[in-house]
């Protein structure tokens, strides 16, 4: 009971001291409003104005540095946004600290307690720390950069708009923007790394003349090779028959190109294949049903081992 009483008394004493400090501060405001109210307000307004100017100045300086640099455009965009983000947070921190000093607060206890506060926050913000560490390695290893077309965790496909220390922004083709915490990025498939191989499957019916089909597809490769010659790393080729299934015989065409022309190359190969196969009167396979009729116009049903199906 004595310990409880002592704790209550100490809390009451602290509350009384705080009340006295508040009264003293109010008295100062009333006695000398210019010194204790007007001047701090002017100083805070000046700090806010300088903060805005500093943010604009940093943005322009960073933009000019990267405009005259020879860094790869995608890497430059990634680093540009990252540096701006770090500079922005630093300026905000300095501005808030300066405002507190002008209001009469001593920042030393705040800075001294930052380590303890950071430790306490760390236990409750483990995901935030994980996001920042993951973001650092994503940027350091160059897994993705601004402008890259990526697939994340086999779920989200789109173009990277921003890579930060905490989150990555990816915009889908339908313009939905995804904010993905870096700690949740487990797998990155990047479609903008050096080269991409276009793979097109063409399935024809069993009754087709396979030699004619193969010649037609060779012609497709030849035409695509002429149209996309500047973007091709390897000429298109027919891989031959790659599968036989219920629909028919499947041929596969491939072509290795620069990443920027991968999608256009696939579309062009499909279009060219259809047009040239039509020229040779070769149909594309599609699911078909065969119905047998017995004499008299009645549909015949297949039988197996004496059991009617």
Protein backbone atom coordinates (compact mmCIF):
# COMPACT_ATOMS: atom_id res chain seq x y z
CA UNK A 1 0.00 0.00 0.00
CA UNK A 2 2.88 2.37 0.83
CA UNK A 3 4.37 1.87 -2.64
CA UNK A 4 0.98 2.61 -4.24
CA UNK A 5 0.59 5.77 -2.18
CA UNK A 6 4.06 6.93 -3.10
CA UNK A 7 3.37 6.32 -6.81
CA UNK A 8 0.11 8.29 -6.61
CA UNK A 9 1.82 11.15 -4.82
CA UNK A 10 4.61 11.28 -7.42
CA UNK A 11 2.08 11.39 -10.27
CA UNK A 12 0.14 14.18 -8.56
CA UNK A 13 3.37 16.10 -8.04
CA UNK A 14 4.29 15.74 -11.73
CA UNK A 15 0.80 16.91 -12.74
CA UNK A 16 1.10 19.90 -10.43
CA UNK A 17 4.49 20.84 -11.88
CA UNK A 18 3.08 20.57 -15.40
CA UNK A 19 0.12 22.79 -14.46
CA UNK A 20 2.48 25.40 -13.02
CA UNK A 21 4.57 25.34 -16.20
CA UNK A 22 1.46 25.83 -18.34
CA UNK A 23 0.32 28.76 -16.19
CA UNK A 24 3.78 30.33 -16.41
CA UNK A 25 3.79 29.95 -20.19
CA UNK A 26 0.34 31.53 -20.49
CA UNK A 27 1.44 34.42 -18.29
CA UNK A 28 4.40 35.03 -20.59
CA UNK A 29 2.09 35.08 -23.61
CA UNK A 30 -0.17 37.64 -21.93
CA UNK A 31 2.62 39.89 -20.62
CA UNK A 32 4.75 39.93 -23.80
CA UNK A 33 2.76 38.57 -26.77
CA UNK A 34 5.22 39.91 -29.36
CA UNK A 35 8.19 38.00 -27.96
CA UNK A 36 6.39 34.81 -27.05
CA UNK A 37 3.68 34.63 -29.70
CA UNK A 38 4.21 36.86 -32.74
CA UNK A 39 7.94 36.23 -33.23
CA UNK A 40 7.65 32.42 -32.95
CA UNK A 41 4.76 32.51 -35.43
CA UNK A 42 6.83 34.55 -37.88
CA UNK A 43 9.81 32.22 -37.41
CA UNK A 44 7.65 29.15 -38.01
CA UNK A 45 6.17 30.71 -41.15
CA UNK A 46 9.71 31.47 -42.35
CA UNK A 47 10.79 27.89 -41.65
CA UNK A 48 7.81 26.55 -43.63
CA UNK A 49 8.63 28.86 -46.55
CA UNK A 50 12.30 27.83 -46.51
CA UNK A 51 11.25 24.17 -46.37
CA UNK A 52 9.12 24.58 -49.50
CA UNK A 53 11.96 26.37 -51.30
CA UNK A 54 14.46 23.71 -50.23
CA UNK A 55 12.21 20.93 -51.56
CA UNK A 56 11.86 22.65 -54.94
CA UNK A 57 15.59 23.40 -55.07
CA UNK A 58 16.51 19.77 -54.31
CA UNK A 59 14.10 18.52 -57.00
CA UNK A 60 15.62 20.80 -59.62
CA UNK A 61 19.21 19.99 -58.66
CA UNK A 62 18.55 16.23 -58.76
CA UNK A 63 16.79 16.53 -62.14
CA UNK A 64 19.66 18.54 -63.65
CA UNK A 65 22.30 16.14 -62.33
CA UNK A 66 20.56 13.14 -63.88
CA UNK A 67 19.79 15.02 -67.11
CA UNK A 68 23.50 15.63 -67.76
CA UNK A 69 24.62 12.21 -66.48
CA UNK A 70 25.18 9.18 -68.70
CA UNK A 71 23.40 6.72 -66.44
CA UNK A 72 20.98 4.30 -68.12
CA UNK A 73 17.55 5.97 -68.37
CA UNK A 74 15.69 3.34 -66.33
CA UNK A 75 18.32 3.24 -63.61
CA UNK A 76 18.40 7.04 -63.61
CA UNK A 77 14.63 7.24 -63.08
CA UNK A 78 14.84 4.78 -60.19
CA UNK A 79 17.71 6.61 -58.46
CA UNK A 80 16.14 10.01 -59.13
CA UNK A 81 12.93 9.16 -57.30
CA UNK A 82 14.79 7.41 -54.49
CA UNK A 83 17.13 10.35 -53.85
CA UNK A 84 14.23 12.81 -53.93
CA UNK A 85 12.35 10.69 -51.41
CA UNK A 86 15.30 10.49 -48.99
CA UNK A 87 16.02 14.23 -49.33
CA UNK A 88 12.36 15.06 -48.74
CA UNK A 89 12.19 13.07 -45.50
CA UNK A 90 15.48 14.61 -44.29
CA UNK A 91 14.24 18.16 -44.92
CA UNK A 92 10.96 17.42 -43.14
CA UNK A 93 12.85 16.08 -40.10
CA UNK A 94 15.15 19.12 -39.91
CA UNK A 95 12.21 21.51 -40.33
CA UNK A 96 10.15 19.88 -37.58
CA UNK A 97 13.17 19.89 -35.24
CA UNK A 98 13.77 23.59 -35.96
CA UNK A 99 10.12 24.43 -35.26
CA UNK A 100 10.31 22.62 -31.92
CA UNK A 101 13.43 24.61 -30.96
CA UNK A 102 11.68 27.89 -31.83
CA UNK A 103 8.71 26.89 -29.70
CA UNK A 104 11.01 26.51 -26.70
CA UNK A 105 11.35 22.73 -26.62
CA UNK A 106 14.76 21.25 -25.88
CA UNK A 107 15.55 18.75 -28.68
CA UNK A 108 18.36 17.02 -26.78
CA UNK A 109 16.07 14.81 -24.68
CA UNK A 110 14.17 13.95 -27.86
CA UNK A 111 17.35 12.97 -29.67
CA UNK A 112 18.67 11.11 -26.61
CA UNK A 113 15.47 9.15 -26.36
CA UNK A 114 15.38 8.40 -30.08
CA UNK A 115 17.41 5.24 -29.56
CA UNK A 116 15.08 3.91 -26.90
CA UNK A 117 12.03 5.02 -28.87
CA UNK A 118 13.43 3.38 -32.01
CA UNK A 119 13.97 0.14 -30.12
CA UNK A 120 10.42 0.23 -28.80
CA UNK A 121 8.99 1.01 -32.22
CA UNK A 122 11.13 -1.69 -33.79
CA UNK A 123 9.29 -4.42 -31.91
CA UNK A 124 5.96 -3.09 -33.14
CA UNK A 125 7.10 -2.22 -36.64
CA UNK A 126 8.98 -5.31 -37.74
CA UNK A 127 7.15 -5.30 -41.08
CA UNK A 128 8.30 -1.72 -41.73
CA UNK A 129 11.92 -2.65 -41.03
CA UNK A 130 11.57 -5.72 -43.26
CA UNK A 131 10.13 -3.57 -46.07
CA UNK A 132 13.03 -1.11 -45.88
CA UNK A 133 15.69 -3.83 -45.84
CA UNK A 134 14.01 -5.66 -48.74
CA UNK A 135 13.73 -2.39 -50.67
CA UNK A 136 17.44 -1.72 -50.19
CA UNK A 137 18.39 -5.10 -51.67
CA UNK A 138 15.87 -4.77 -54.53
CA UNK A 139 17.47 -1.45 -55.52
CA UNK A 140 21.05 -2.61 -54.84
CA UNK A 141 20.65 -5.81 -56.90
CA UNK A 142 18.72 -4.07 -59.68
CA UNK A 143 15.89 -6.60 -59.63
CA UNK A 144 13.53 -4.04 -61.14
CA UNK A 145 13.76 -0.43 -62.27
CA UNK A 146 11.36 2.32 -63.27
CA UNK A 147 9.90 1.52 -66.69
CA UNK A 148 10.43 -2.25 -66.48
CA UNK A 149 7.54 -4.59 -67.26
CA UNK A 150 7.48 -7.13 -64.42
CA UNK A 151 5.44 -9.89 -62.86
CA UNK A 152 5.48 -9.96 -59.05
CA UNK A 153 4.69 -13.09 -57.04
CA UNK A 154 3.05 -14.66 -60.12
CA UNK A 155 0.05 -12.37 -59.50
CA UNK A 156 0.61 -8.78 -60.57
CA UNK A 157 1.84 -7.77 -64.03
CA UNK A 158 2.55 -4.21 -65.01
CA UNK A 159 5.05 -1.41 -65.52
CA UNK A 160 7.13 -0.21 -62.57
CA UNK A 161 6.41 3.46 -61.84
CA UNK A 162 8.41 3.91 -58.65
CA UNK A 163 10.83 1.90 -56.52
CA UNK A 164 11.17 3.15 -52.96
CA UNK A 165 12.73 1.87 -49.77
CA UNK A 166 9.32 0.84 -48.40
CA UNK A 167 6.96 0.29 -51.33
CA UNK A 168 7.06 -0.36 -55.06
CA UNK A 169 4.40 1.03 -57.41
CA UNK A 170 3.35 -1.12 -60.36
CA UNK A 171 0.69 -0.02 -62.88
CA UNK A 172 -1.21 -2.68 -64.81
CA UNK A 173 -2.15 -2.32 -68.47
CA UNK A 174 -5.72 -1.46 -67.41
CA UNK A 175 -4.16 1.44 -65.41
CA UNK A 176 -4.77 0.04 -61.93
CA UNK A 177 -1.90 1.14 -59.69
CA UNK A 178 -0.61 -1.37 -57.13
CA UNK A 179 1.28 -0.30 -54.01
CA UNK A 180 3.32 -3.34 -52.98
CA UNK A 181 5.27 -3.48 -49.72
CA UNK A 182 8.82 -4.51 -50.54
CA UNK A 183 8.78 -7.11 -47.78
CA UNK A 184 5.95 -8.91 -49.60
CA UNK A 185 7.89 -9.21 -52.88
CA UNK A 186 9.06 -12.81 -52.94
CA UNK A 187 9.49 -13.34 -56.69
CA UNK A 188 10.19 -10.89 -59.50
CA UNK A 189 9.93 -11.84 -63.17
CA UNK A 190 11.47 -9.05 -65.24
CA UNK A 191 10.57 -8.85 -68.95
CA UNK A 192 13.13 -6.11 -69.67
CA UNK A 193 16.48 -7.82 -69.27
CA UNK A 194 18.70 -8.02 -72.39
CA UNK A 195 16.58 -10.37 -74.50
CA UNK A 196 13.22 -12.14 -74.75
CA UNK A 197 12.19 -15.21 -76.75
CA UNK A 198 8.82 -15.10 -78.50
CA UNK A 199 7.21 -18.57 -78.58
CA UNK A 200 4.16 -19.13 -80.80
CA UNK A 201 2.18 -22.40 -81.03
CA UNK A 202 0.24 -23.20 -84.22
CA UNK A 203 -2.07 -26.24 -84.18
CA UNK A 204 -3.42 -27.76 -87.40
CA UNK A 205 -5.87 -30.66 -87.93
CA UNK A 206 -4.56 -34.23 -88.34
CA UNK A 207 -5.70 -34.42 -91.96
CA UNK A 208 -3.50 -31.45 -92.97
CA UNK A 209 -0.50 -32.05 -95.21
CA UNK A 210 2.31 -31.57 -92.67
CA UNK A 211 4.96 -30.85 -95.31
CA UNK A 212 2.85 -27.97 -96.66
CA UNK A 213 2.27 -26.71 -93.12
CA UNK A 214 5.99 -26.78 -92.38
CA UNK A 215 6.78 -24.90 -95.62
CA UNK A 216 4.15 -22.29 -94.81
CA UNK A 217 5.57 -21.73 -91.34
CA UNK A 218 9.06 -21.42 -92.78
CA UNK A 219 7.68 -18.65 -94.97
CA UNK A 220 6.24 -17.01 -91.85
CA UNK A 221 9.69 -17.02 -90.25
CA UNK A 222 11.22 -15.54 -93.38
CA UNK A 223 8.71 -12.67 -93.54
CA UNK A 224 9.07 -11.88 -89.83
CA UNK A 225 12.85 -11.97 -90.16
CA UNK A 226 12.68 -9.28 -92.87
CA UNK A 227 10.22 -7.00 -91.05
CA UNK A 228 11.86 -7.16 -87.60
CA UNK A 229 15.50 -7.57 -88.63
CA UNK A 230 16.81 -4.57 -86.57
CA UNK A 231 15.24 -5.94 -83.38
CA UNK A 232 16.10 -9.63 -83.73
CA UNK A 233 18.97 -11.27 -81.88
CA UNK A 234 18.29 -14.65 -83.51
CA UNK A 235 16.28 -15.27 -86.67
CA UNK A 236 12.83 -16.90 -86.28
CA UNK A 237 12.73 -20.64 -86.77
CA UNK A 238 10.28 -23.52 -86.84
CA UNK A 239 10.96 -25.93 -83.99
CA UNK A 240 8.90 -28.64 -85.70
CA UNK A 241 6.10 -30.72 -84.21
CA UNK A 242 6.16 -30.16 -80.46
CA UNK A 243 2.89 -31.82 -79.38
CA UNK A 244 0.09 -34.08 -80.57
CA UNK A 245 -3.17 -33.74 -78.66
CA UNK A 246 -6.94 -34.06 -79.11
CA UNK A 247 -7.13 -30.90 -81.20
CA UNK A 248 -4.45 -31.77 -83.75
CA UNK A 249 -0.75 -31.41 -84.48
CA UNK A 250 1.08 -28.52 -82.82
CA UNK A 251 4.00 -26.67 -84.41
CA UNK A 252 6.12 -24.16 -82.47
CA UNK A 253 7.79 -21.02 -83.84
CA UNK A 254 10.41 -19.05 -81.88
CA UNK A 255 12.31 -15.79 -82.28
CA UNK A 256 14.79 -14.05 -79.97
CA UNK A 257 14.49 -10.26 -79.83
CA UNK A 258 15.21 -7.20 -77.73
CA UNK A 259 12.75 -6.85 -74.82
CA UNK A 260 11.09 -3.68 -76.16
CA UNK A 261 9.76 -5.50 -79.27
CA UNK A 262 8.79 -8.79 -77.60
CA UNK A 263 5.02 -8.21 -77.46
CA UNK A 264 4.83 -6.66 -80.94
CA UNK A 265 6.86 -9.57 -82.34
CA UNK A 266 4.50 -12.17 -80.87
CA UNK A 267 1.46 -10.39 -82.30
CA UNK A 268 3.08 -10.08 -85.73
CA UNK A 269 4.04 -13.78 -85.76
CA UNK A 270 0.47 -14.86 -84.96
CA UNK A 271 -1.00 -12.59 -87.63
CA UNK A 272 1.52 -13.67 -90.26
CA UNK A 273 0.94 -17.36 -89.46
CA UNK A 274 -2.82 -17.07 -89.96
CA UNK A 275 -2.51 -15.14 -93.23
CA UNK A 276 0.04 -17.49 -94.81
CA UNK A 277 -1.77 -20.67 -93.70
CA UNK A 278 -4.94 -19.32 -95.30
CA UNK A 279 -2.99 -18.74 -98.50
CA UNK A 280 -2.13 -22.45 -98.53
CA UNK A 281 -5.73 -23.45 -97.59
CA UNK A 282 -4.61 -24.82 -94.23
CA UNK A 283 -7.07 -24.44 -91.36
CA UNK A 284 -6.23 -23.76 -87.74
CA UNK A 285 -7.35 -26.66 -85.56
CA UNK A 286 -10.37 -26.23 -83.30
CA UNK A 287 -12.42 -28.68 -81.19
CA UNK A 288 -14.82 -30.73 -83.34
CA UNK A 289 -17.45 -33.39 -82.67
CA UNK A 290 -18.16 -36.34 -84.95
CA UNK A 291 -21.70 -37.76 -84.97
CA UNK A 292 -22.52 -41.10 -86.65
CA UNK A 293 -26.02 -41.95 -87.94
CA UNK A 294 -27.30 -45.44 -88.60
CA UNK A 295 -29.60 -46.35 -91.46
CA UNK A 296 -33.07 -44.90 -91.09
CA UNK A 297 -31.82 -41.58 -89.78
CA UNK A 298 -31.47 -42.73 -86.17
CA UNK A 299 -28.33 -41.68 -84.31
CA UNK A 300 -26.03 -44.61 -83.64
CA UNK A 301 -24.67 -44.87 -80.14
CA UNK A 302 -21.25 -46.43 -79.54
CA UNK A 303 -21.08 -49.55 -77.47
CA UNK A 304 -18.21 -50.99 -75.50
CA UNK A 305 -18.04 -54.49 -74.06
CA UNK A 306 -21.81 -54.83 -74.28
CA UNK A 307 -22.52 -51.80 -72.11
CA UNK A 308 -24.47 -48.99 -73.73
CA UNK A 309 -22.92 -45.56 -73.30
